[in-house]
Amino acid sequence: MIRDTLLSALMSHAKGHIDKHIANVEVYLENPAGIGEHSDVHEAIEHEIEQIAKYDDHLEMIQKYFLKETE
């Protein structure tokens, strides 16, 4: 039971970060001039995509190594 709870929490954490970074990319794409602290919008989007990839890798590793199908 604790195992499932911990794995679920890890997956929720990763999915939350993915959603956050996707939202940031959408903001940059829709209104790049409105983001004052980022003069290089391309670089900011690239950073967000790297973060999405990082958390997507976390999900993939959890699924691959810890959520094996029961036979």
PDB file of N, CA and C in Angstrom:
ATOM      1  N   MET A   1       0.812  -1.186   0.000  1.00  0.00           N
ATOM      2  CA  MET A   1       0.000   0.000   0.000  1.00  0.00           C
ATOM      3  C   MET A   1       0.862   1.259   0.000  1.00  0.00           C
ATOM      4  N   ILE A   2       1.854   1.329   0.875  1.00  0.00           N
ATOM      5  CA  ILE A   2       2.723   2.508   0.925  1.00  0.00           C
ATOM      6  C   ILE A   2       3.469   2.671  -0.390  1.00  0.00           C
ATOM      7  N   ARG A   3       3.826   1.546  -0.995  1.00  0.00           N
ATOM      8  CA  ARG A   3       4.531   1.571  -2.281  1.00  0.00           C
ATOM      9  C   ARG A   3       3.680   2.272  -3.325  1.00  0.00           C
ATOM     10  N   ASP A   4       2.407   1.893  -3.414  1.00  0.00           N
ATOM     11  CA  ASP A   4       1.510   2.504  -4.394  1.00  0.00           C
ATOM     12  C   ASP A   4       1.309   3.993  -4.125  1.00  0.00           C
ATOM     13  N   THR A   5       1.197   4.339  -2.847  1.00  0.00           N
ATOM     14  CA  THR A   5       1.013   5.741  -2.477  1.00  0.00           C
ATOM     15  C   THR A   5       2.228   6.572  -2.876  1.00  0.00           C
ATOM     16  N   LEU A   6       3.406   6.064  -2.599  1.00  0.00           N
ATOM     17  CA  LEU A   6       4.633   6.785  -2.942  1.00  0.00           C
ATOM     18  C   LEU A   6       4.799   6.926  -4.461  1.00  0.00           C
ATOM     19  N   LEU A   7       4.545   5.847  -5.184  1.00  0.00           N
ATOM     20  CA  LEU A   7       4.663   5.913  -6.642  1.00  0.00           C
ATOM     21  C   LEU A   7       3.638   6.875  -7.229  1.00  0.00           C
ATOM     22  N   SER A   8       2.424   6.845  -6.685  1.00  0.00           N
ATOM     23  CA  SER A   8       1.392   7.768  -7.148  1.00  0.00           C
ATOM     24  C   SER A   8       1.791   9.215  -6.886  1.00  0.00           C
ATOM     25  N   ALA A   9       2.364   9.472  -5.717  1.00  0.00           N
ATOM     26  CA  ALA A   9       2.811  10.824  -5.377  1.00  0.00           C
ATOM     27  C   ALA A   9       3.935  11.291  -6.303  1.00  0.00           C
ATOM     28  N   LEU A  10       4.863  10.399  -6.599  1.00  0.00           N
ATOM     29  CA  LEU A  10       5.957  10.745  -7.515  1.00  0.00           C
ATOM     30  C   LEU A  10       5.426  11.076  -8.907  1.00  0.00           C
ATOM     31  N   MET A  11       4.468  10.288  -9.361  1.00  0.00           N
ATOM     32  CA  MET A  11       3.900  10.527 -10.680  1.00  0.00           C
ATOM     33  C   MET A  11       3.090  11.826 -10.708  1.00  0.00           C
ATOM     34  N   SER A  12       2.326  12.085  -9.673  1.00  0.00           N
ATOM     35  CA  SER A  12       1.564  13.333  -9.597  1.00  0.00           C
ATOM     36  C   SER A  12       2.489  14.539  -9.582  1.00  0.00           C
ATOM     37  N   HIS A  13       3.576  14.419  -8.854  1.00  0.00           N
ATOM     38  CA  HIS A  13       4.566  15.497  -8.779  1.00  0.00           C
ATOM     39  C   HIS A  13       5.134  15.799 -10.171  1.00  0.00           C
ATOM     40  N   ALA A  14       5.532  14.763 -10.877  1.00  0.00           N
ATOM     41  CA  ALA A  14       6.102  14.934 -12.216  1.00  0.00           C
ATOM     42  C   ALA A  14       5.067  15.521 -13.179  1.00  0.00           C
ATOM     43  N   LYS A  15       3.835  15.005 -13.126  1.00  0.00           N
ATOM     44  CA  LYS A  15       2.777  15.503 -14.015  1.00  0.00           C
ATOM     45  C   LYS A  15       2.464  16.971 -13.720  1.00  0.00           C
ATOM     46  N   GLY A  16       2.480  17.340 -12.450  1.00  0.00           N
ATOM     47  CA  GLY A  16       2.247  18.741 -12.084  1.00  0.00           C
ATOM     48  C   GLY A  16       3.306  19.662 -12.657  1.00  0.00           C
ATOM     49  N   HIS A  17       4.565  19.230 -12.577  1.00  0.00           N
ATOM     50  CA  HIS A  17       5.644  20.038 -13.148  1.00  0.00           C
ATOM     51  C   HIS A  17       5.521  20.120 -14.674  1.00  0.00           C
ATOM     52  N   ILE A  18       5.153  19.028 -15.304  1.00  0.00           N
ATOM     53  CA  ILE A  18       4.963  19.043 -16.757  1.00  0.00           C
ATOM     54  C   ILE A  18       3.877  20.052 -17.124  1.00  0.00           C
ATOM     55  N   ASP A  19       2.759  19.995 -16.414  1.00  0.00           N
ATOM     56  CA  ASP A  19       1.662  20.932 -16.688  1.00  0.00           C
ATOM     57  C   ASP A  19       2.101  22.383 -16.499  1.00  0.00           C
ATOM     58  N   LYS A  20       2.873  22.639 -15.452  1.00  0.00           N
ATOM     59  CA  LYS A  20       3.358  23.995 -15.178  1.00  0.00           C
ATOM     60  C   LYS A  20       4.242  24.499 -16.320  1.00  0.00           C
ATOM     61  N   HIS A  21       5.154  23.666 -16.771  1.00  0.00           N
ATOM     62  CA  HIS A  21       6.082  24.093 -17.816  1.00  0.00           C
ATOM     63  C   HIS A  21       5.390  24.212 -19.177  1.00  0.00           C
ATOM     64  N   ILE A  22       4.400  23.365 -19.426  1.00  0.00           N
ATOM     65  CA  ILE A  22       3.609  23.513 -20.653  1.00  0.00           C
ATOM     66  C   ILE A  22       2.870  24.843 -20.625  1.00  0.00           C
ATOM     67  N   ALA A  23       2.293  25.185 -19.481  1.00  0.00           N
ATOM     68  CA  ALA A  23       1.590  26.464 -19.354  1.00  0.00           C
ATOM     69  C   ALA A  23       2.535  27.635 -19.606  1.00  0.00           C
ATOM     70  N   ASN A  24       3.750  27.548 -19.098  1.00  0.00           N
ATOM     71  CA  ASN A  24       4.735  28.607 -19.327  1.00  0.00           C
ATOM     72  C   ASN A  24       5.048  28.762 -20.814  1.00  0.00           C
ATOM     73  N   VAL A  25       5.215  27.647 -21.510  1.00  0.00           N
ATOM     74  CA  VAL A  25       5.484  27.714 -22.954  1.00  0.00           C
ATOM     75  C   VAL A  25       4.311  28.375 -23.664  1.00  0.00           C
ATOM     76  N   GLU A  26       3.098  28.007 -23.296  1.00  0.00           N
ATOM     77  CA  GLU A  26       1.916  28.604 -23.919  1.00  0.00           C
ATOM     78  C   GLU A  26       1.888  30.116 -23.701  1.00  0.00           C
ATOM     79  N   VAL A  27       2.243  30.565 -22.505  1.00  0.00           N
ATOM     80  CA  VAL A  27       2.294  32.007 -22.231  1.00  0.00           C
ATOM     81  C   VAL A  27       3.330  32.678 -23.125  1.00  0.00           C
ATOM     82  N   TYR A  28       4.505  32.094 -23.221  1.00  0.00           N
ATOM     83  CA  TYR A  28       5.554  32.662 -24.078  1.00  0.00           C
ATOM     84  C   TYR A  28       5.102  32.722 -25.534  1.00  0.00           C
ATOM     85  N   LEU A  29       4.418  31.688 -25.996  1.00  0.00           N
ATOM     86  CA  LEU A  29       3.984  31.649 -27.394  1.00  0.00           C
ATOM     87  C   LEU A  29       2.870  32.650 -27.674  1.00  0.00           C
ATOM     88  N   GLU A  30       1.983  32.831 -26.718  1.00  0.00           N
ATOM     89  CA  GLU A  30       0.839  33.721 -26.922  1.00  0.00           C
ATOM     90  C   GLU A  30       1.162  35.187 -26.682  1.00  0.00           C
ATOM     91  N   ASN A  31       2.094  35.462 -25.764  1.00  0.00           N
ATOM     92  CA  ASN A  31       2.368  36.855 -25.409  1.00  0.00           C
ATOM     93  C   ASN A  31       3.837  37.035 -25.028  1.00  0.00           C
ATOM     94  N   PRO A  32       4.751  36.839 -25.954  1.00  0.00           N
ATOM     95  CA  PRO A  32       6.178  36.913 -25.615  1.00  0.00           C
ATOM     96  C   PRO A  32       6.614  38.299 -25.146  1.00  0.00           C
ATOM     97  N   ALA A  33       5.954  39.346 -25.604  1.00  0.00           N
ATOM     98  CA  ALA A  33       6.339  40.702 -25.203  1.00  0.00           C
ATOM     99  C   ALA A  33       5.947  40.992 -23.758  1.00  0.00           C
ATOM    100  N   GLY A  34       5.015  40.232 -23.230  1.00  0.00           N
ATOM    101  CA  GLY A  34       4.542  40.470 -21.873  1.00  0.00           C
ATOM    102  C   GLY A  34       5.432  39.885 -20.795  1.00  0.00           C
ATOM    103  N   ILE A  35       6.485  39.213 -21.175  1.00  0.00           N
ATOM    104  CA  ILE A  35       7.393  38.599 -20.211  1.00  0.00           C
ATOM    105  C   ILE A  35       8.657  39.445 -20.149  1.00  0.00           C
ATOM    106  N   GLY A  36       8.656  40.423 -19.248  1.00  0.00           N
ATOM    107  CA  GLY A  36       9.735  41.404 -19.181  1.00  0.00           C
ATOM    108  C   GLY A  36      11.084  40.861 -18.793  1.00  0.00           C
ATOM    109  N   GLU A  37      11.120  39.903 -17.883  1.00  0.00           N
ATOM    110  CA  GLU A  37      12.414  39.434 -17.392  1.00  0.00           C
ATOM    111  C   GLU A  37      13.133  38.509 -18.354  1.00  0.00           C
ATOM    112  N   HIS A  38      12.452  38.107 -19.432  1.00  0.00           N
ATOM    113  CA  HIS A  38      13.073  37.215 -20.415  1.00  0.00           C
ATOM    114  C   HIS A  38      13.207  37.940 -21.751  1.00  0.00           C
ATOM    115  N   SER A  39      14.368  38.498 -21.973  1.00  0.00           N
ATOM    116  CA  SER A  39      14.566  39.192 -23.236  1.00  0.00           C
ATOM    117  C   SER A  39      14.752  38.205 -24.388  1.00  0.00           C
ATOM    118  N   ASP A  40      15.211  37.010 -24.098  1.00  0.00           N
ATOM    119  CA  ASP A  40      15.384  35.988 -25.121  1.00  0.00           C
ATOM    120  C   ASP A  40      14.289  34.936 -24.951  1.00  0.00           C
ATOM    121  N   VAL A  41      13.163  35.153 -25.634  1.00  0.00           N
ATOM    122  CA  VAL A  41      12.009  34.274 -25.501  1.00  0.00           C
ATOM    123  C   VAL A  41      12.351  32.858 -25.955  1.00  0.00           C
ATOM    124  N   HIS A  42      13.125  32.751 -27.024  1.00  0.00           N
ATOM    125  CA  HIS A  42      13.512  31.434 -27.540  1.00  0.00           C
ATOM    126  C   HIS A  42      14.245  30.640 -26.468  1.00  0.00           C
ATOM    127  N   GLU A  43      15.176  31.290 -25.791  1.00  0.00           N
ATOM    128  CA  GLU A  43      15.937  30.618 -24.736  1.00  0.00           C
ATOM    129  C   GLU A  43      15.015  30.214 -23.577  1.00  0.00           C
ATOM    130  N   ALA A  44      14.077  31.066 -23.243  1.00  0.00           N
ATOM    131  CA  ALA A  44      13.141  30.762 -22.156  1.00  0.00           C
ATOM    132  C   ALA A  44      12.280  29.546 -22.512  1.00  0.00           C
ATOM    133  N   ILE A  45      11.802  29.484 -23.760  1.00  0.00           N
ATOM    134  CA  ILE A  45      11.001  28.345 -24.201  1.00  0.00           C
ATOM    135  C   ILE A  45      11.843  27.078 -24.193  1.00  0.00           C
ATOM    136  N   GLU A  46      13.077  27.186 -24.642  1.00  0.00           N
ATOM    137  CA  GLU A  46      13.972  26.029 -24.649  1.00  0.00           C
ATOM    138  C   GLU A  46      14.164  25.484 -23.236  1.00  0.00           C
ATOM    139  N   HIS A  47      14.328  26.371 -22.274  1.00  0.00           N
ATOM    140  CA  HIS A  47      14.481  25.958 -20.876  1.00  0.00           C
ATOM    141  C   HIS A  47      13.231  25.210 -20.396  1.00  0.00           C
ATOM    142  N   GLU A  48      12.063  25.737 -20.720  1.00  0.00           N
ATOM    143  CA  GLU A  48      10.815  25.089 -20.310  1.00  0.00           C
ATOM    144  C   GLU A  48      10.689  23.700 -20.932  1.00  0.00           C
ATOM    145  N   ILE A  49      11.063  23.565 -22.188  1.00  0.00           N
ATOM    146  CA  ILE A  49      10.991  22.263 -22.867  1.00  0.00           C
ATOM    147  C   ILE A  49      11.966  21.274 -22.234  1.00  0.00           C
ATOM    148  N   GLU A  50      13.129  21.753 -21.841  1.00  0.00           N
ATOM    149  CA  GLU A  50      14.083  20.878 -21.149  1.00  0.00           C
ATOM    150  C   GLU A  50      13.494  20.374 -19.832  1.00  0.00           C
ATOM    151  N   GLN A  51      12.786  21.236 -19.139  1.00  0.00           N
ATOM    152  CA  GLN A  51      12.152  20.827 -17.886  1.00  0.00           C
ATOM    153  C   GLN A  51      11.031  19.811 -18.131  1.00  0.00           C
ATOM    154  N   ILE A  52      10.261  20.017 -19.193  1.00  0.00           N
ATOM    155  CA  ILE A  52       9.218  19.054 -19.558  1.00  0.00           C
ATOM    156  C   ILE A  52       9.851  17.693 -19.833  1.00  0.00           C
ATOM    157  N   ALA A  53      10.936  17.682 -20.588  1.00  0.00           N
ATOM    158  CA  ALA A  53      11.627  16.429 -20.916  1.00  0.00           C
ATOM    159  C   ALA A  53      12.144  15.742 -19.656  1.00  0.00           C
ATOM    160  N   LYS A  54      12.667  16.513 -18.725  1.00  0.00           N
ATOM    161  CA  LYS A  54      13.191  15.961 -17.467  1.00  0.00           C
ATOM    162  C   LYS A  54      12.097  15.221 -16.708  1.00  0.00           C
ATOM    163  N   TYR A  55      10.958  15.853 -16.538  1.00  0.00           N
ATOM    164  CA  TYR A  55       9.881  15.221 -15.772  1.00  0.00           C
ATOM    165  C   TYR A  55       9.200  14.107 -16.558  1.00  0.00           C
ATOM    166  N   ASP A  56       9.184  14.215 -17.878  1.00  0.00           N
ATOM    167  CA  ASP A  56       8.666  13.126 -18.695  1.00  0.00           C
ATOM    168  C   ASP A  56       9.557  11.895 -18.540  1.00  0.00           C
ATOM    169  N   ASP A  57      10.864  12.115 -18.467  1.00  0.00           N
ATOM    170  CA  ASP A  57      11.795  11.007 -18.208  1.00  0.00           C
ATOM    171  C   ASP A  57      11.516  10.364 -16.853  1.00  0.00           C
ATOM    172  N   HIS A  58      11.210  11.181 -15.846  1.00  0.00           N
ATOM    173  CA  HIS A  58      10.888  10.643 -14.526  1.00  0.00           C
ATOM    174  C   HIS A  58       9.683   9.700 -14.622  1.00  0.00           C
ATOM    175  N   LEU A  59       8.636  10.150 -15.320  1.00  0.00           N
ATOM    176  CA  LEU A  59       7.451   9.308 -15.488  1.00  0.00           C
ATOM    177  C   LEU A  59       7.792   8.004 -16.204  1.00  0.00           C
ATOM    178  N   GLU A  60       8.587   8.122 -17.244  1.00  0.00           N
ATOM    179  CA  GLU A  60       8.962   6.932 -18.013  1.00  0.00           C
ATOM    180  C   GLU A  60       9.746   5.933 -17.155  1.00  0.00           C
ATOM    181  N   MET A  61      10.649   6.433 -16.338  1.00  0.00           N
ATOM    182  CA  MET A  61      11.444   5.546 -15.486  1.00  0.00           C
ATOM    183  C   MET A  61      10.576   4.879 -14.424  1.00  0.00           C
ATOM    184  N   ILE A  62       9.639   5.619 -13.857  1.00  0.00           N
ATOM    185  CA  ILE A  62       8.731   5.021 -12.874  1.00  0.00           C
ATOM    186  C   ILE A  62       7.936   3.905 -13.522  1.00  0.00           C
ATOM    187  N   GLN A  63       7.398   4.175 -14.702  1.00  0.00           N
ATOM    188  CA  GLN A  63       6.598   3.170 -15.392  1.00  0.00           C
ATOM    189  C   GLN A  63       7.444   1.966 -15.810  1.00  0.00           C
ATOM    190  N   LYS A  64       8.633   2.216 -16.262  1.00  0.00           N
ATOM    191  CA  LYS A  64       9.477   1.135 -16.763  1.00  0.00           C
ATOM    192  C   LYS A  64       9.995   0.233 -15.642  1.00  0.00           C
ATOM    193  N   TYR A  65      10.416   0.825 -14.531  1.00  0.00           N
ATOM    194  CA  TYR A  65      11.089   0.045 -13.504  1.00  0.00           C
ATOM    195  C   TYR A  65      10.240  -0.282 -12.269  1.00  0.00           C
ATOM    196  N   PHE A  66       9.154   0.453 -12.059  1.00  0.00           N
ATOM    197  CA  PHE A  66       8.408   0.264 -10.816  1.00  0.00           C
ATOM    198  C   PHE A  66       6.945  -0.120 -11.017  1.00  0.00           C
ATOM    199  N   LEU A  67       6.422   0.052 -12.216  1.00  0.00           N
ATOM    200  CA  LEU A  67       5.027  -0.296 -12.474  1.00  0.00           C
ATOM    201  C   LEU A  67       4.939  -1.426 -13.487  1.00  0.00           C
ATOM    202  N   LYS A  68       5.672  -2.466 -13.239  1.00  0.00           N
ATOM    203  CA  LYS A  68       5.673  -3.611 -14.129  1.00  0.00           C
ATOM    204  C   LYS A  68       4.310  -4.297 -14.065  1.00  0.00           C
ATOM    205  N   GLU A  69       3.880  -4.764 -15.204  1.00  0.00           N
ATOM    206  CA  GLU A  69       2.590  -5.444 -15.263  1.00  0.00           C
ATOM    207  C   GLU A  69       2.636  -6.720 -14.446  1.00  0.00           C
ATOM    208  N   THR A  70       1.553  -6.957 -13.724  1.00  0.00           N
ATOM    209  CA  THR A  70       1.466  -8.211 -12.977  1.00  0.00           C
ATOM    210  C   THR A  70       0.926  -9.287 -13.887  1.00  0.00           C
ATOM    211  N   GLU A  71       1.539 -10.422 -13.844  1.00  0.00           N
ATOM    212  CA  GLU A  71       1.163 -11.511 -14.738  1.00  0.00           C
ATOM    213  C   GLU A  71       0.302 -12.526 -14.038  1.00  0.00           C
TER     214      GLU A  71
END
